[in-house]
Amino acid sequence: MMPLEKRQQFRQEKRSCSFCAKDMQEIDYKDYPTLKPCVDYFGNIRKRSHTKICLRHQKMLKIAIERARFMGMLAYRK
């Protein structure tokens, strides 16, 4: 097993998630400019492979988009 320092360096170098880079702890459903790039033209949530977001933030993003849809800030689907 790698020492702790090596693991932390590896994790930091591997980060490609835009939310991890900004150290966002939660995604707000009212933040439309953040949610918009993660939703396609038809209103579907884009896959992780397309958006390059980690699993933790993808789950938070899904919940935020569902809340924004319920509040009427985003369309459900066209």
N, C-alpha and C. Protein backbone atom coordinates (compact mmCIF):
# COMPACT_ATOMS: atom_id res chain seq x y z
N MET A 1 0.83 -1.18 0.00
CA MET A 1 0.00 0.00 0.00
C MET A 1 0.87 1.25 0.00
N MET A 2 0.42 2.28 -0.70
CA MET A 2 1.19 3.52 -0.81
C MET A 2 1.13 4.31 0.49
N PRO A 3 2.20 5.04 0.79
CA PRO A 3 2.14 5.93 1.95
C PRO A 3 1.08 7.01 1.75
N LEU A 4 0.66 7.59 2.85
CA LEU A 4 -0.41 8.59 2.84
C LEU A 4 -0.08 9.78 1.94
N GLU A 5 1.16 10.25 1.99
CA GLU A 5 1.55 11.41 1.18
C GLU A 5 1.42 11.12 -0.31
N LYS A 6 1.83 9.92 -0.72
CA LYS A 6 1.74 9.55 -2.14
C LYS A 6 0.29 9.47 -2.59
N ARG A 7 -0.58 8.91 -1.74
CA ARG A 7 -2.00 8.80 -2.08
C ARG A 7 -2.63 10.17 -2.23
N GLN A 8 -2.29 11.11 -1.35
CA GLN A 8 -2.85 12.45 -1.43
C GLN A 8 -2.38 13.15 -2.70
N GLN A 9 -1.11 12.98 -3.06
CA GLN A 9 -0.60 13.58 -4.29
C GLN A 9 -1.31 13.00 -5.50
N PHE A 10 -1.50 11.68 -5.50
CA PHE A 10 -2.16 11.02 -6.62
C PHE A 10 -3.59 11.52 -6.77
N ARG A 11 -4.29 11.66 -5.65
CA ARG A 11 -5.66 12.15 -5.69
C ARG A 11 -5.73 13.57 -6.23
N GLN A 12 -4.83 14.42 -5.81
CA GLN A 12 -4.84 15.81 -6.24
C GLN A 12 -4.51 15.93 -7.72
N GLU A 13 -3.59 15.11 -8.22
CA GLU A 13 -3.23 15.17 -9.63
C GLU A 13 -4.35 14.63 -10.52
N LYS A 14 -5.09 13.66 -10.03
CA LYS A 14 -6.10 13.00 -10.83
C LYS A 14 -7.39 13.80 -10.94
N ARG A 15 -7.59 14.79 -10.09
CA ARG A 15 -8.84 15.54 -10.06
C ARG A 15 -9.14 16.18 -11.41
N SER A 16 -10.28 15.83 -11.94
CA SER A 16 -10.73 16.49 -13.16
C SER A 16 -12.14 17.03 -12.97
N CYS A 17 -12.71 16.74 -11.82
CA CYS A 17 -14.06 17.22 -11.51
C CYS A 17 -14.00 18.73 -11.24
N SER A 18 -14.83 19.47 -11.95
CA SER A 18 -14.82 20.93 -11.78
C SER A 18 -15.30 21.35 -10.39
N PHE A 19 -16.18 20.57 -9.80
CA PHE A 19 -16.68 20.89 -8.46
C PHE A 19 -15.62 20.60 -7.40
N CYS A 20 -14.83 19.52 -7.59
CA CYS A 20 -13.74 19.22 -6.66
C CYS A 20 -12.65 20.28 -6.74
N ALA A 21 -12.39 20.77 -7.95
CA ALA A 21 -11.36 21.80 -8.12
C ALA A 21 -11.74 23.08 -7.39
N LYS A 22 -13.05 23.38 -7.31
CA LYS A 22 -13.52 24.57 -6.61
C LYS A 22 -13.79 24.30 -5.13
N ASP A 23 -13.61 23.06 -4.68
CA ASP A 23 -13.88 22.64 -3.30
C ASP A 23 -15.31 22.94 -2.88
N MET A 24 -16.27 22.62 -3.74
CA MET A 24 -17.69 22.83 -3.44
C MET A 24 -18.19 21.68 -2.57
N GLN A 25 -18.78 22.00 -1.44
CA GLN A 25 -19.30 20.99 -0.53
C GLN A 25 -20.73 20.62 -0.87
N GLU A 26 -21.47 21.55 -1.45
CA GLU A 26 -22.85 21.27 -1.85
C GLU A 26 -23.18 22.08 -3.10
N ILE A 27 -24.14 21.59 -3.86
CA ILE A 27 -24.56 22.25 -5.08
C ILE A 27 -25.95 22.82 -4.84
N ASP A 28 -26.10 24.11 -5.06
CA ASP A 28 -27.36 24.79 -4.78
C ASP A 28 -28.29 24.69 -5.98
N TYR A 29 -29.56 24.37 -5.74
CA TYR A 29 -30.52 24.24 -6.83
C TYR A 29 -30.87 25.60 -7.45
N LYS A 30 -30.58 26.69 -6.75
CA LYS A 30 -30.88 28.03 -7.26
C LYS A 30 -29.77 28.59 -8.15
N ASP A 31 -28.65 27.90 -8.21
CA ASP A 31 -27.50 28.35 -9.00
C ASP A 31 -27.62 27.85 -10.44
N TYR A 32 -28.41 28.56 -11.23
CA TYR A 32 -28.71 28.15 -12.60
C TYR A 32 -27.47 28.04 -13.49
N PRO A 33 -26.53 28.99 -13.45
CA PRO A 33 -25.35 28.86 -14.32
C PRO A 33 -24.51 27.61 -14.05
N THR A 34 -24.56 27.09 -12.84
CA THR A 34 -23.84 25.87 -12.53
C THR A 34 -24.58 24.64 -13.05
N LEU A 35 -25.89 24.65 -12.99
CA LEU A 35 -26.68 23.49 -13.40
C LEU A 35 -26.83 23.37 -14.91
N LYS A 36 -26.87 24.48 -15.60
CA LYS A 36 -27.18 24.50 -17.03
C LYS A 36 -26.23 23.65 -17.88
N PRO A 37 -24.90 23.70 -17.70
CA PRO A 37 -24.03 22.88 -18.55
C PRO A 37 -24.19 21.37 -18.34
N CYS A 38 -24.82 20.98 -17.26
CA CYS A 38 -24.97 19.55 -16.94
C CYS A 38 -26.29 18.98 -17.45
N VAL A 39 -27.08 19.82 -18.12
CA VAL A 39 -28.37 19.39 -18.66
C VAL A 39 -28.33 19.62 -20.17
N ASP A 40 -28.76 18.62 -20.94
CA ASP A 40 -28.73 18.77 -22.40
C ASP A 40 -29.98 19.51 -22.90
N TYR A 41 -30.10 19.63 -24.22
CA TYR A 41 -31.18 20.39 -24.85
C TYR A 41 -32.55 19.86 -24.48
N PHE A 42 -32.66 18.55 -24.32
CA PHE A 42 -33.95 17.92 -24.03
C PHE A 42 -34.28 17.89 -22.54
N GLY A 43 -33.38 18.37 -21.70
CA GLY A 43 -33.64 18.42 -20.27
C GLY A 43 -33.12 17.22 -19.51
N ASN A 44 -32.41 16.32 -20.18
CA ASN A 44 -31.85 15.15 -19.51
C ASN A 44 -30.55 15.52 -18.81
N ILE A 45 -30.28 14.86 -17.70
CA ILE A 45 -29.02 15.08 -17.00
C ILE A 45 -27.93 14.34 -17.77
N ARG A 46 -26.84 15.03 -18.05
CA ARG A 46 -25.75 14.41 -18.80
C ARG A 46 -25.01 13.40 -17.94
N LYS A 47 -24.41 12.39 -18.60
CA LYS A 47 -23.69 11.34 -17.89
C LYS A 47 -22.37 11.86 -17.34
N ARG A 48 -21.85 11.14 -16.38
CA ARG A 48 -20.58 11.50 -15.76
C ARG A 48 -19.43 11.48 -16.75
N SER A 49 -19.48 10.58 -17.71
CA SER A 49 -18.40 10.49 -18.69
C SER A 49 -18.35 11.73 -19.58
N HIS A 50 -19.47 12.36 -19.77
CA HIS A 50 -19.52 13.57 -20.60
C HIS A 50 -19.14 14.82 -19.83
N THR A 51 -19.62 14.93 -18.59
CA THR A 51 -19.38 16.14 -17.80
C THR A 51 -18.08 16.08 -17.01
N LYS A 52 -17.50 14.89 -16.85
CA LYS A 52 -16.25 14.70 -16.09
C LYS A 52 -16.41 15.13 -14.62
N ILE A 53 -17.53 14.73 -14.03
CA ILE A 53 -17.82 15.04 -12.63
C ILE A 53 -17.71 13.74 -11.83
N CYS A 54 -17.16 13.83 -10.62
CA CYS A 54 -17.01 12.64 -9.79
C CYS A 54 -18.39 12.15 -9.30
N LEU A 55 -18.42 10.93 -8.80
CA LEU A 55 -19.68 10.31 -8.38
C LEU A 55 -20.37 11.10 -7.27
N ARG A 56 -19.59 11.56 -6.31
CA ARG A 56 -20.16 12.30 -5.18
C ARG A 56 -20.89 13.56 -5.66
N HIS A 57 -20.25 14.32 -6.54
CA HIS A 57 -20.87 15.54 -7.02
C HIS A 57 -21.97 15.26 -8.05
N GLN A 58 -21.88 14.13 -8.75
CA GLN A 58 -22.95 13.78 -9.69
C GLN A 58 -24.25 13.50 -8.93
N LYS A 59 -24.14 12.85 -7.79
CA LYS A 59 -25.32 12.58 -6.97
C LYS A 59 -25.92 13.89 -6.43
N MET A 60 -25.04 14.80 -5.99
CA MET A 60 -25.52 16.10 -5.50
C MET A 60 -26.16 16.89 -6.64
N LEU A 61 -25.57 16.79 -7.82
CA LEU A 61 -26.09 17.49 -8.99
C LEU A 61 -27.48 16.98 -9.36
N LYS A 62 -27.66 15.67 -9.29
CA LYS A 62 -28.97 15.07 -9.60
C LYS A 62 -30.04 15.59 -8.65
N ILE A 63 -29.73 15.64 -7.38
CA ILE A 63 -30.69 16.13 -6.39
C ILE A 63 -30.99 17.61 -6.62
N ALA A 64 -29.96 18.41 -6.93
CA ALA A 64 -30.15 19.83 -7.17
C ALA A 64 -31.01 20.06 -8.40
N ILE A 65 -30.79 19.28 -9.46
CA ILE A 65 -31.58 19.43 -10.68
C ILE A 65 -33.03 19.02 -10.44
N GLU A 66 -33.24 17.95 -9.68
CA GLU A 66 -34.60 17.54 -9.35
C GLU A 66 -35.33 18.62 -8.55
N ARG A 67 -34.63 19.24 -7.61
CA ARG A 67 -35.24 20.31 -6.81
C ARG A 67 -35.55 21.53 -7.68
N ALA A 68 -34.63 21.87 -8.58
CA ALA A 68 -34.85 23.02 -9.47
C ALA A 68 -36.03 22.76 -10.40
N ARG A 69 -36.19 21.52 -10.84
CA ARG A 69 -37.34 21.17 -11.69
C ARG A 69 -38.64 21.31 -10.90
N PHE A 70 -38.64 20.83 -9.66
CA PHE A 70 -39.83 20.89 -8.83
C PHE A 70 -40.23 22.34 -8.55
N MET A 71 -39.23 23.21 -8.35
CA MET A 71 -39.50 24.61 -8.06
C MET A 71 -39.82 25.41 -9.33
N GLY A 72 -39.68 24.79 -10.49
CA GLY A 72 -40.01 25.46 -11.74
C GLY A 72 -38.89 26.27 -12.34
N MET A 73 -37.67 26.05 -11.89
CA MET A 73 -36.52 26.80 -12.41
C MET A 73 -35.92 26.13 -13.63
N LEU A 74 -36.13 24.84 -13.78
CA LEU A 74 -35.66 24.08 -14.94
C LEU A 74 -36.84 23.30 -15.51
N ALA A 75 -36.83 23.10 -16.81
CA ALA A 75 -37.87 22.30 -17.44
C ALA A 75 -37.62 20.81 -17.15
N TYR A 76 -38.69 20.04 -17.07
CA TYR A 76 -38.52 18.61 -16.84
C TYR A 76 -37.89 17.96 -18.06
N ARG A 77 -38.63 17.81 -19.14
CA ARG A 77 -38.12 17.25 -20.38
C ARG A 77 -38.98 17.75 -21.51
N LYS A 78 -38.35 17.91 -22.66
CA LYS A 78 -39.10 18.39 -23.83
C LYS A 78 -39.67 17.24 -24.60
